[in-house]
N, C-alpha and C. Protein backbone atom coordinates (compact mmCIF):
# COMPACT_ATOMS: atom_id res chain seq x y z
N GLN A 1 0.19 -0.43 74.40
CA GLN A 1 1.37 -0.94 73.45
C GLN A 1 0.85 -1.99 72.62
N ASN A 2 0.36 -2.88 73.16
CA ASN A 2 0.16 -4.15 72.39
C ASN A 2 -0.96 -3.79 71.13
N LYS A 3 -1.84 -3.18 71.51
CA LYS A 3 -3.06 -2.90 70.73
C LYS A 3 -2.43 -1.64 69.33
N VAL A 4 -1.48 -0.95 69.74
CA VAL A 4 -0.81 -0.02 68.93
C VAL A 4 0.10 -1.24 67.87
N ASN A 5 0.74 -2.01 68.57
CA ASN A 5 1.47 -2.98 67.79
C ASN A 5 0.72 -3.79 66.85
N GLN A 6 -0.50 -4.24 67.18
CA GLN A 6 -1.37 -5.04 66.57
C GLN A 6 -1.97 -3.89 65.17
N HIS A 7 -2.30 -2.98 65.84
CA HIS A 7 -2.87 -1.84 64.51
C HIS A 7 -1.80 -1.54 63.53
N VAL A 8 -0.43 -1.38 63.66
CA VAL A 8 0.51 -1.04 63.15
C VAL A 8 0.81 -2.17 62.09
N THR A 9 0.66 -3.71 62.73
CA THR A 9 0.79 -4.86 61.91
C THR A 9 -0.20 -4.96 60.89
N LYS A 10 -1.35 -4.64 61.45
CA LYS A 10 -2.73 -4.62 60.61
C LYS A 10 -2.59 -3.70 59.29
N ILE A 11 -2.14 -2.39 59.58
CA ILE A 11 -1.90 -1.46 58.38
C ILE A 11 -0.85 -2.03 57.65
N MET A 12 0.32 -2.41 58.28
CA MET A 12 1.57 -3.06 57.14
C MET A 12 0.98 -4.16 56.46
N ASP A 13 0.08 -5.05 57.09
CA ASP A 13 -0.47 -6.08 56.18
C ASP A 13 -1.32 -5.60 55.09
N ASN A 14 -2.21 -4.66 55.41
CA ASN A 14 -3.01 -3.92 54.36
C ASN A 14 -2.27 -3.48 53.21
N ASN A 15 -1.28 -2.66 53.70
CA ASN A 15 -0.15 -2.18 52.74
C ASN A 15 0.31 -3.08 51.70
N LYS A 16 0.85 -4.12 52.54
CA LYS A 16 1.33 -5.11 51.72
C LYS A 16 0.49 -5.89 50.59
N GLU A 17 -0.80 -6.07 51.07
CA GLU A 17 -1.78 -6.55 50.20
C GLU A 17 -2.06 -5.58 49.24
N ILE A 18 -2.27 -4.40 49.44
CA ILE A 18 -2.58 -3.21 48.33
C ILE A 18 -1.35 -3.31 47.45
N SER A 19 -0.09 -3.28 48.10
CA SER A 19 0.92 -3.27 47.10
C SER A 19 1.01 -4.46 46.14
N ILE A 20 0.63 -5.85 46.66
CA ILE A 20 0.67 -7.06 45.56
C ILE A 20 -0.45 -6.92 44.58
N LYS A 21 -1.69 -6.05 45.10
CA LYS A 21 -2.85 -5.87 44.07
C LYS A 21 -2.34 -4.91 43.22
N ASN A 22 -1.90 -3.80 43.59
CA ASN A 22 -1.24 -2.80 42.57
C ASN A 22 -0.37 -3.54 41.55
N ASP A 23 0.81 -4.28 42.06
CA ASP A 23 1.67 -4.90 41.13
C ASP A 23 1.00 -5.96 40.16
N LEU A 24 -0.08 -6.38 40.70
CA LEU A 24 -0.77 -7.25 39.71
C LEU A 24 -1.62 -6.52 38.69
N LEU A 25 -2.26 -5.17 39.07
CA LEU A 25 -2.74 -4.54 38.24
C LEU A 25 -1.87 -3.91 36.90
N VAL A 26 -0.77 -3.55 37.71
CA VAL A 26 0.23 -3.05 36.61
C VAL A 26 0.64 -4.15 35.72
N ALA A 27 0.85 -5.42 35.90
CA ALA A 27 1.29 -6.32 35.15
C ALA A 27 0.14 -6.70 34.31
N SER A 28 -1.04 -6.62 34.63
CA SER A 28 -2.34 -6.91 33.86
C SER A 28 -2.49 -5.95 32.81
N GLU A 29 -2.31 -4.37 33.28
CA GLU A 29 -2.19 -3.36 32.21
C GLU A 29 -1.14 -3.59 31.21
N GLU A 30 -0.02 -3.80 31.60
CA GLU A 30 1.09 -4.18 30.47
C GLU A 30 0.67 -5.27 29.74
N GLU A 31 0.21 -6.32 30.09
CA GLU A 31 -0.09 -7.53 29.10
C GLU A 31 -1.36 -6.90 28.36
N LEU A 32 -2.29 -6.32 28.64
CA LEU A 32 -3.29 -5.74 28.08
C LEU A 32 -2.85 -4.83 26.91
N THR A 33 -1.79 -4.11 27.42
CA THR A 33 -1.30 -2.89 26.17
C THR A 33 -0.57 -3.69 25.38
N ALA A 34 0.22 -4.65 25.67
CA ALA A 34 1.06 -5.42 24.64
C ALA A 34 -0.09 -6.21 23.63
N GLN A 35 -1.15 -6.87 24.15
CA GLN A 35 -2.20 -7.41 23.44
C GLN A 35 -2.97 -6.57 22.52
N LEU A 36 -3.13 -5.28 22.96
CA LEU A 36 -3.76 -4.37 22.27
C LEU A 36 -2.91 -4.00 21.06
N GLU A 37 -1.41 -3.78 21.40
CA GLU A 37 -0.59 -3.52 20.23
C GLU A 37 -0.43 -4.62 19.23
N GLU A 38 -0.48 -5.66 19.88
CA GLU A 38 -0.56 -6.95 18.71
C GLU A 38 -1.80 -7.04 17.75
N ILE A 39 -3.00 -6.63 18.44
CA ILE A 39 -4.21 -6.57 17.61
C ILE A 39 -3.94 -5.34 16.62
N ASN A 40 -3.61 -4.31 17.12
CA ASN A 40 -3.46 -3.16 16.19
C ASN A 40 -2.52 -3.45 15.09
N GLU A 41 -1.36 -4.15 15.27
CA GLU A 41 -0.40 -4.68 14.38
C GLU A 41 -1.01 -5.51 13.29
N GLN A 42 -1.98 -6.48 13.90
CA GLN A 42 -2.77 -7.30 12.93
C GLN A 42 -3.62 -6.64 12.16
N LYS A 43 -4.48 -5.97 12.70
CA LYS A 43 -5.22 -5.07 12.01
C LYS A 43 -4.84 -4.22 10.91
N ASN A 44 -3.46 -3.63 11.16
CA ASN A 44 -2.97 -2.93 10.11
C ASN A 44 -2.37 -3.86 8.99
N PHE A 45 -1.92 -5.04 9.38
CA PHE A 45 -1.67 -6.01 8.33
C PHE A 45 -2.88 -6.22 7.52
N ILE A 46 -4.01 -6.66 8.17
CA ILE A 46 -5.16 -7.08 7.25
C ILE A 46 -5.55 -5.95 6.53
N ASP A 47 -5.47 -4.71 6.91
CA ASP A 47 -5.93 -3.53 6.07
C ASP A 47 -5.04 -3.55 4.90
N TYR A 48 -3.58 -3.79 5.18
CA TYR A 48 -2.59 -3.65 3.98
C TYR A 48 -3.03 -4.85 3.01
N LEU A 49 -3.31 -5.83 3.53
CA LEU A 49 -3.46 -7.14 2.65
C LEU A 49 -4.73 -6.59 1.79
N ALA A 50 -5.73 -6.04 2.42
CA ALA A 50 -7.00 -5.57 1.56
C ALA A 50 -6.90 -4.67 0.61
N TYR A 51 -5.92 -3.78 0.84
CA TYR A 51 -5.55 -2.59 -0.23
C TYR A 51 -4.38 -2.52 -1.15
N HIS A 52 -3.64 -3.78 -0.81
CA HIS A 52 -2.40 -4.27 -1.66
C HIS A 52 -2.32 -5.30 -2.57
N ASP A 53 -1.91 -5.14 -3.67
CA ASP A 53 -1.66 -6.47 -4.43
C ASP A 53 -0.38 -7.12 -3.77
N HIS A 54 -0.76 -8.39 -3.54
CA HIS A 54 0.17 -9.28 -2.75
C HIS A 54 1.49 -9.79 -3.76
N LEU A 55 1.40 -9.60 -4.92
CA LEU A 55 2.49 -9.96 -5.79
C LEU A 55 3.69 -8.75 -5.76
N THR A 56 2.83 -7.51 -6.30
CA THR A 56 3.72 -6.27 -6.42
C THR A 56 4.00 -5.45 -5.39
N ASN A 57 3.03 -5.52 -4.15
CA ASN A 57 2.99 -4.58 -3.17
C ASN A 57 2.43 -3.47 -3.50
N LEU A 58 2.09 -3.19 -4.74
CA LEU A 58 1.52 -1.66 -5.22
C LEU A 58 -0.08 -1.81 -4.48
N PRO A 59 -0.55 -0.78 -4.29
CA PRO A 59 -2.11 -0.61 -4.14
C PRO A 59 -2.61 -1.34 -5.08
N ASN A 60 -3.85 -1.81 -4.82
CA ASN A 60 -4.70 -2.69 -5.65
C ASN A 60 -5.90 -1.90 -6.00
N ARG A 61 -6.75 -2.43 -6.93
CA ARG A 61 -7.84 -1.82 -7.75
C ARG A 61 -8.80 -1.05 -6.56
N ARG A 62 -9.05 -1.78 -5.42
CA ARG A 62 -9.74 -1.34 -4.46
C ARG A 62 -9.30 0.01 -4.09
N LYS A 63 -7.97 0.12 -3.65
CA LYS A 63 -7.31 1.10 -3.10
C LYS A 63 -7.37 2.31 -4.25
N PHE A 64 -7.20 1.80 -5.55
CA PHE A 64 -7.24 2.82 -6.37
C PHE A 64 -8.58 3.38 -6.51
N MET A 65 -9.73 2.68 -6.65
CA MET A 65 -11.15 3.24 -6.70
C MET A 65 -11.55 4.14 -5.55
N GLU A 66 -10.92 3.88 -4.02
CA GLU A 66 -11.02 4.86 -3.06
C GLU A 66 -10.11 6.15 -3.36
N TYR A 67 -9.10 5.75 -3.96
CA TYR A 67 -8.18 7.28 -4.00
C TYR A 67 -9.22 7.92 -5.08
N LEU A 68 -9.40 7.28 -6.40
CA LEU A 68 -10.00 7.92 -7.21
C LEU A 68 -11.37 8.98 -6.68
N SER A 69 -12.13 8.07 -5.97
CA SER A 69 -13.44 8.70 -5.37
C SER A 69 -13.15 9.97 -4.66
N SER A 70 -12.03 9.85 -3.78
CA SER A 70 -11.95 10.92 -2.81
C SER A 70 -11.21 12.07 -3.67
N MET A 71 -10.38 11.82 -4.69
CA MET A 71 -9.89 12.71 -5.52
C MET A 71 -11.04 13.74 -6.29
N LEU A 72 -11.86 12.93 -6.78
CA LEU A 72 -13.28 13.49 -7.67
C LEU A 72 -13.85 14.55 -6.72
N LYS A 73 -13.91 14.31 -5.40
CA LYS A 73 -14.50 15.26 -4.59
C LYS A 73 -13.82 16.63 -4.43
N THR A 74 -12.66 16.81 -5.14
CA THR A 74 -11.98 17.99 -5.17
C THR A 74 -12.01 18.70 -6.19
N THR A 75 -11.31 19.73 -6.56
CA THR A 75 -11.35 20.30 -7.71
C THR A 75 -10.16 20.09 -8.64
N GLN A 76 -9.30 19.23 -8.17
CA GLN A 76 -8.01 18.67 -8.71
C GLN A 76 -8.20 18.06 -10.20
N ASN A 77 -7.53 18.55 -11.24
CA ASN A 77 -7.28 17.96 -12.42
C ASN A 77 -6.74 16.61 -12.36
N ALA A 78 -7.09 15.63 -13.21
CA ALA A 78 -6.33 14.39 -12.96
C ALA A 78 -6.49 13.63 -14.50
N ALA A 79 -5.30 13.04 -14.65
CA ALA A 79 -5.63 11.89 -15.63
C ALA A 79 -5.49 10.55 -15.23
N ILE A 80 -6.31 9.66 -15.77
CA ILE A 80 -6.14 8.29 -15.34
C ILE A 80 -5.62 7.64 -16.58
N VAL A 81 -4.41 6.82 -16.27
CA VAL A 81 -3.55 6.25 -17.36
C VAL A 81 -3.70 4.71 -17.24
N LEU A 82 -4.21 4.14 -17.99
CA LEU A 82 -4.29 2.43 -17.97
C LEU A 82 -3.20 1.95 -18.92
N LEU A 83 -2.21 1.22 -18.05
CA LEU A 83 -1.11 0.60 -18.77
C LEU A 83 -1.35 -0.88 -18.91
N ASP A 84 -1.20 -1.51 -20.16
CA ASP A 84 -1.18 -2.98 -20.28
C ASP A 84 -0.13 -3.40 -20.98
N LEU A 85 0.41 -4.50 -20.29
CA LEU A 85 1.69 -5.07 -20.96
C LEU A 85 1.30 -5.85 -21.98
N ASP A 86 1.98 -5.63 -23.31
CA ASP A 86 1.54 -6.46 -24.52
C ASP A 86 1.92 -7.67 -24.53
N ASP A 87 1.10 -8.66 -24.99
CA ASP A 87 1.64 -10.06 -25.24
C ASP A 87 2.18 -10.84 -23.93
N PHE A 88 1.81 -10.31 -22.68
CA PHE A 88 2.09 -10.80 -21.41
C PHE A 88 1.68 -12.29 -21.24
N LYS A 89 0.44 -12.69 -22.03
CA LYS A 89 0.29 -14.01 -21.90
C LYS A 89 1.25 -14.94 -22.52
N GLY A 90 2.04 -14.29 -23.65
CA GLY A 90 2.86 -15.18 -24.27
C GLY A 90 4.29 -15.47 -23.35
N ILE A 91 4.47 -14.75 -22.40
CA ILE A 91 5.37 -14.69 -21.42
C ILE A 91 5.14 -15.92 -20.45
N ASN A 92 4.02 -15.97 -20.15
CA ASN A 92 3.25 -16.72 -19.26
C ASN A 92 3.17 -18.31 -19.98
N ASP A 93 2.90 -18.43 -20.90
CA ASP A 93 2.78 -19.48 -21.62
C ASP A 93 4.01 -20.12 -22.02
N VAL A 94 5.22 -19.30 -22.55
CA VAL A 94 6.45 -19.80 -23.03
C VAL A 94 7.43 -20.03 -21.59
N ARG A 95 7.26 -19.02 -20.48
CA ARG A 95 8.25 -19.22 -19.64
C ARG A 95 7.69 -19.68 -18.23
N GLY A 96 6.48 -19.74 -18.04
CA GLY A 96 5.77 -20.05 -16.89
C GLY A 96 5.17 -18.99 -16.14
N HIS A 97 4.21 -19.20 -15.31
CA HIS A 97 3.35 -18.17 -14.49
C HIS A 97 4.37 -17.56 -13.28
N SER A 98 5.28 -18.42 -12.80
CA SER A 98 6.35 -17.84 -11.75
C SER A 98 7.14 -17.00 -12.37
N PHE A 99 7.74 -17.18 -13.71
CA PHE A 99 8.56 -16.19 -14.37
C PHE A 99 7.70 -14.86 -14.75
N GLY A 100 6.63 -15.24 -15.20
CA GLY A 100 5.55 -13.97 -15.36
C GLY A 100 5.47 -13.16 -14.20
N ASP A 101 5.30 -13.75 -13.05
CA ASP A 101 5.26 -12.89 -11.69
C ASP A 101 6.41 -12.24 -11.38
N GLU A 102 7.58 -12.87 -11.74
CA GLU A 102 8.98 -12.04 -11.56
C GLU A 102 9.01 -10.89 -12.33
N VAL A 103 8.51 -10.94 -13.57
CA VAL A 103 8.30 -9.81 -14.71
C VAL A 103 7.53 -8.71 -13.90
N LEU A 104 6.41 -8.93 -13.48
CA LEU A 104 5.23 -8.04 -12.99
C LEU A 104 6.02 -7.46 -11.74
N LYS A 105 6.83 -8.23 -10.94
CA LYS A 105 7.21 -7.39 -9.77
C LYS A 105 8.65 -6.59 -10.28
N ALA A 106 9.44 -6.86 -11.38
CA ALA A 106 10.32 -6.03 -11.89
C ALA A 106 9.81 -4.56 -12.62
N VAL A 107 8.51 -5.01 -13.31
CA VAL A 107 7.53 -3.77 -13.63
C VAL A 107 7.47 -2.61 -12.58
N ALA A 108 6.77 -3.40 -11.80
CA ALA A 108 6.35 -2.65 -10.51
C ALA A 108 7.51 -1.84 -9.97
N LYS A 109 8.53 -2.54 -10.00
CA LYS A 109 9.90 -1.79 -9.28
C LYS A 109 10.17 -0.68 -10.20
N ARG A 110 9.95 -0.97 -11.48
CA ARG A 110 10.63 0.01 -12.20
C ARG A 110 9.52 1.34 -12.32
N PHE A 111 8.51 1.08 -11.93
CA PHE A 111 7.44 2.20 -11.85
C PHE A 111 7.87 3.13 -10.89
N GLU A 112 8.59 2.60 -9.81
CA GLU A 112 9.03 3.85 -8.78
C GLU A 112 9.65 4.97 -9.20
N GLU A 113 10.50 4.72 -10.62
CA GLU A 113 11.16 5.90 -10.91
C GLU A 113 9.87 7.08 -11.37
N VAL A 114 8.96 6.89 -11.84
CA VAL A 114 7.69 7.89 -11.97
C VAL A 114 6.99 8.11 -10.83
N LEU A 115 7.18 7.71 -9.57
CA LEU A 115 6.42 7.63 -8.54
C LEU A 115 6.80 9.16 -7.80
N ASP A 116 5.95 10.05 -7.51
CA ASP A 116 6.09 11.19 -6.86
C ASP A 116 4.66 11.73 -6.45
N ASP A 117 4.69 12.78 -5.90
CA ASP A 117 3.37 13.14 -4.88
C ASP A 117 2.17 13.52 -5.93
N GLU A 118 2.48 13.55 -7.28
CA GLU A 118 1.43 13.64 -8.27
C GLU A 118 1.13 12.52 -9.03
N VAL A 119 1.65 11.39 -8.56
CA VAL A 119 1.47 10.01 -9.28
C VAL A 119 1.19 8.90 -8.25
N PHE A 120 -0.07 8.27 -8.47
CA PHE A 120 -0.68 7.09 -7.60
C PHE A 120 -0.72 6.18 -8.62
N ILE A 121 0.24 5.01 -8.28
CA ILE A 121 0.02 3.72 -9.21
C ILE A 121 -0.41 2.46 -8.47
N SER A 122 -1.25 1.69 -9.31
CA SER A 122 -1.84 0.53 -8.64
C SER A 122 -1.96 -0.58 -9.57
N ARG A 123 -1.82 -1.82 -9.13
CA ARG A 123 -1.94 -2.81 -10.06
C ARG A 123 -3.56 -3.24 -10.18
N PHE A 124 -4.05 -3.09 -11.27
CA PHE A 124 -5.40 -3.05 -11.80
C PHE A 124 -5.83 -4.51 -11.61
N GLY A 125 -4.91 -5.39 -12.13
CA GLY A 125 -5.15 -6.79 -12.20
C GLY A 125 -4.48 -7.56 -13.50
N GLY A 126 -4.11 -8.72 -13.15
CA GLY A 126 -3.40 -9.24 -14.54
C GLY A 126 -1.93 -8.50 -14.80
N ASP A 127 -2.09 -8.13 -15.93
CA ASP A 127 -0.86 -7.32 -16.30
C ASP A 127 -1.10 -5.79 -16.75
N GLU A 128 -2.40 -5.37 -15.85
CA GLU A 128 -2.52 -4.04 -16.22
C GLU A 128 -2.51 -3.10 -14.88
N PHE A 129 -1.81 -2.07 -15.03
CA PHE A 129 -1.53 -1.30 -14.05
C PHE A 129 -2.48 0.32 -14.29
N LEU A 130 -2.81 0.83 -13.18
CA LEU A 130 -3.49 2.14 -13.45
C LEU A 130 -2.61 3.24 -12.61
N PHE A 131 -2.55 4.29 -13.28
CA PHE A 131 -1.82 5.51 -12.64
C PHE A 131 -2.90 6.58 -12.70
N LEU A 132 -2.82 7.55 -11.62
CA LEU A 132 -3.64 8.47 -11.58
C LEU A 132 -2.66 9.72 -11.49
N ILE A 133 -2.57 10.57 -12.18
CA ILE A 133 -1.60 11.71 -12.25
C ILE A 133 -2.57 12.97 -12.10
N LYS A 134 -1.94 13.73 -10.95
CA LYS A 134 -2.53 14.87 -10.84
C LYS A 134 -1.99 15.91 -11.76
N PHE A 135 -2.51 16.98 -11.93
CA PHE A 135 -1.96 18.03 -12.85
C PHE A 135 -2.56 19.42 -12.59
N ASN A 136 -2.18 20.52 -12.77
CA ASN A 136 -2.76 21.83 -12.54
C ASN A 136 -3.67 21.92 -14.12
N GLN A 137 -3.33 23.13 -14.57
CA GLN A 137 -4.09 23.43 -15.97
C GLN A 137 -3.74 22.74 -17.23
N ASN A 138 -2.49 22.65 -17.26
CA ASN A 138 -1.66 22.26 -18.37
C ASN A 138 -1.70 20.73 -18.47
N GLU A 139 -2.27 20.32 -19.79
CA GLU A 139 -2.29 19.00 -20.02
C GLU A 139 -0.87 18.25 -20.44
N THR A 140 0.03 19.35 -20.89
CA THR A 140 1.44 18.80 -21.01
C THR A 140 2.12 18.17 -19.95
N GLU A 141 1.71 18.34 -18.70
CA GLU A 141 2.22 17.85 -17.50
C GLU A 141 2.07 16.46 -17.50
N VAL A 142 0.95 15.92 -17.97
CA VAL A 142 0.27 14.60 -18.17
C VAL A 142 1.18 13.91 -19.29
N GLU A 143 1.13 14.55 -20.53
CA GLU A 143 1.74 14.12 -21.49
C GLU A 143 3.46 13.87 -21.34
N GLU A 144 3.99 14.56 -20.47
CA GLU A 144 5.42 14.43 -20.18
C GLU A 144 5.49 13.17 -19.22
N LYS A 145 4.72 13.24 -18.23
CA LYS A 145 4.46 11.93 -17.39
C LYS A 145 4.31 10.59 -18.12
N VAL A 146 3.27 10.54 -18.94
CA VAL A 146 2.94 9.34 -19.99
C VAL A 146 4.22 9.20 -20.72
N ILE A 147 4.97 9.99 -21.34
CA ILE A 147 6.04 9.63 -22.06
C ILE A 147 7.19 9.11 -20.98
N ARG A 148 7.34 9.77 -20.05
CA ARG A 148 8.24 9.28 -19.11
C ARG A 148 7.85 7.52 -18.69
N ILE A 149 6.54 7.48 -18.47
CA ILE A 149 6.11 5.84 -18.29
C ILE A 149 6.62 4.94 -19.54
N ARG A 150 6.35 5.28 -20.56
CA ARG A 150 6.79 4.97 -21.69
C ARG A 150 8.01 4.53 -21.99
N GLU A 151 9.03 5.70 -21.55
CA GLU A 151 10.36 5.55 -21.48
C GLU A 151 10.95 4.16 -20.70
N LEU A 152 10.05 4.03 -19.64
CA LEU A 152 10.68 2.91 -18.68
C LEU A 152 10.58 1.62 -19.56
N PHE A 153 10.00 1.42 -20.57
CA PHE A 153 9.86 0.22 -21.57
C PHE A 153 10.96 0.21 -22.60
N GLU A 154 11.92 1.41 -22.78
CA GLU A 154 12.87 1.47 -23.73
C GLU A 154 14.05 0.52 -23.69
N ASP A 155 14.11 0.18 -22.08
CA ASP A 155 15.40 -0.69 -21.75
C ASP A 155 14.78 -2.11 -21.44
N SER A 156 15.59 -3.14 -21.76
CA SER A 156 14.91 -4.51 -21.28
C SER A 156 14.93 -4.64 -19.77
N ILE A 157 14.34 -5.68 -19.36
CA ILE A 157 14.21 -5.68 -17.85
C ILE A 157 14.84 -7.10 -17.52
N LEU A 158 15.90 -7.12 -16.48
CA LEU A 158 16.51 -8.36 -16.18
C LEU A 158 15.64 -9.04 -15.13
N VAL A 159 15.29 -10.32 -15.50
CA VAL A 159 14.47 -11.23 -14.54
C VAL A 159 15.07 -12.74 -14.71
N ASP A 160 15.47 -12.97 -13.65
CA ASP A 160 15.87 -14.57 -13.42
C ASP A 160 17.10 -14.72 -14.36
N GLY A 161 17.89 -13.65 -14.55
CA GLY A 161 19.31 -13.93 -15.30
C GLY A 161 18.93 -13.75 -16.89
N SER A 162 17.67 -13.44 -17.33
CA SER A 162 17.17 -13.02 -18.82
C SER A 162 16.89 -11.74 -18.72
N GLN A 163 17.35 -10.98 -20.03
CA GLN A 163 16.87 -9.68 -20.38
C GLN A 163 15.59 -9.94 -21.05
N ILE A 164 14.45 -9.39 -20.90
CA ILE A 164 13.21 -9.19 -21.25
C ILE A 164 12.93 -7.88 -21.76
N MET A 165 12.46 -7.97 -23.17
CA MET A 165 12.17 -6.73 -23.83
C MET A 165 10.56 -6.61 -23.75
N LEU A 166 10.04 -5.59 -22.96
CA LEU A 166 8.54 -5.43 -22.85
C LEU A 166 8.07 -4.22 -23.76
N HIS A 167 6.92 -4.25 -24.26
CA HIS A 167 5.91 -3.17 -24.93
C HIS A 167 4.67 -3.08 -24.09
N CYS A 168 4.02 -1.94 -23.97
CA CYS A 168 2.94 -1.84 -23.65
C CYS A 168 1.83 -0.87 -24.12
N SER A 169 0.77 -1.03 -24.02
CA SER A 169 -0.28 0.09 -24.50
C SER A 169 -0.88 0.81 -23.47
N ILE A 170 -0.98 2.00 -23.64
CA ILE A 170 -1.50 2.99 -22.82
C ILE A 170 -2.57 3.78 -23.20
N GLY A 171 -3.57 3.74 -22.18
CA GLY A 171 -4.65 4.77 -22.63
C GLY A 171 -4.80 5.81 -21.42
N VAL A 172 -5.37 7.02 -21.97
CA VAL A 172 -5.44 8.14 -20.91
C VAL A 172 -7.00 8.60 -21.04
N SER A 173 -7.16 9.00 -19.81
CA SER A 173 -8.64 9.56 -19.87
C SER A 173 -8.39 10.84 -18.75
N LEU A 174 -8.95 12.06 -19.18
CA LEU A 174 -8.65 13.44 -18.31
C LEU A 174 -9.85 13.45 -17.34
N TYR A 175 -9.54 14.17 -16.19
CA TYR A 175 -10.66 14.37 -15.30
C TYR A 175 -10.54 16.01 -15.12
N PRO A 176 -11.41 16.70 -15.58
CA PRO A 176 -12.94 16.37 -15.75
C PRO A 176 -13.21 16.41 -17.28
N LYS A 177 -12.25 16.93 -18.10
CA LYS A 177 -12.54 16.83 -19.43
C LYS A 177 -13.17 15.76 -20.05
N HIS A 178 -12.92 14.63 -19.66
CA HIS A 178 -13.49 13.32 -20.52
C HIS A 178 -14.54 12.79 -19.60
N SER A 179 -14.48 12.71 -18.38
CA SER A 179 -15.62 12.32 -17.70
C SER A 179 -15.55 12.93 -16.08
N LYS A 180 -16.48 13.04 -15.38
CA LYS A 180 -16.66 13.55 -14.22
C LYS A 180 -17.06 12.58 -12.98
N ASP A 181 -17.03 11.27 -13.28
CA ASP A 181 -17.30 10.60 -12.54
C ASP A 181 -16.36 9.00 -12.50
N VAL A 182 -16.46 7.95 -11.51
CA VAL A 182 -15.77 6.84 -11.47
C VAL A 182 -15.93 6.33 -12.86
């Protein structure tokens, strides 16, 4: 009987030890999972920073070039539209760069009005923006989109309590009609 009790006690001690070790493993797994999630969030944030303009949150030049390169591997017709804000240097010179930054943010926000599945918008740099507009065979689709983009500048933009009237210059290149590479 005494040997049986000792054996049972030993089994119970082993079970308790296994249970403690199991609890530690579960806790370690939960901690590692949390750390992995944090690392993935940081990686996603770093990727976002690498491919987006910090001021406007639009995709940046790098993202545009990658998007364009992948699109060129398809048979999709597309237009690349370069939009440059006219006399933006004057805004920065007269009102300051902080005000100019707010103007760029407001312009980027206004671009959301033309954003859809066929339009990709990025900030190319400074006061230049690139649009990639996918279209079928009819170039009038592009023309309509470009007209819609120009119409965004018909009304003034409210920035820090000031109404600002902006004008822009737009250039358009069609793929594959005008070029077949980046």
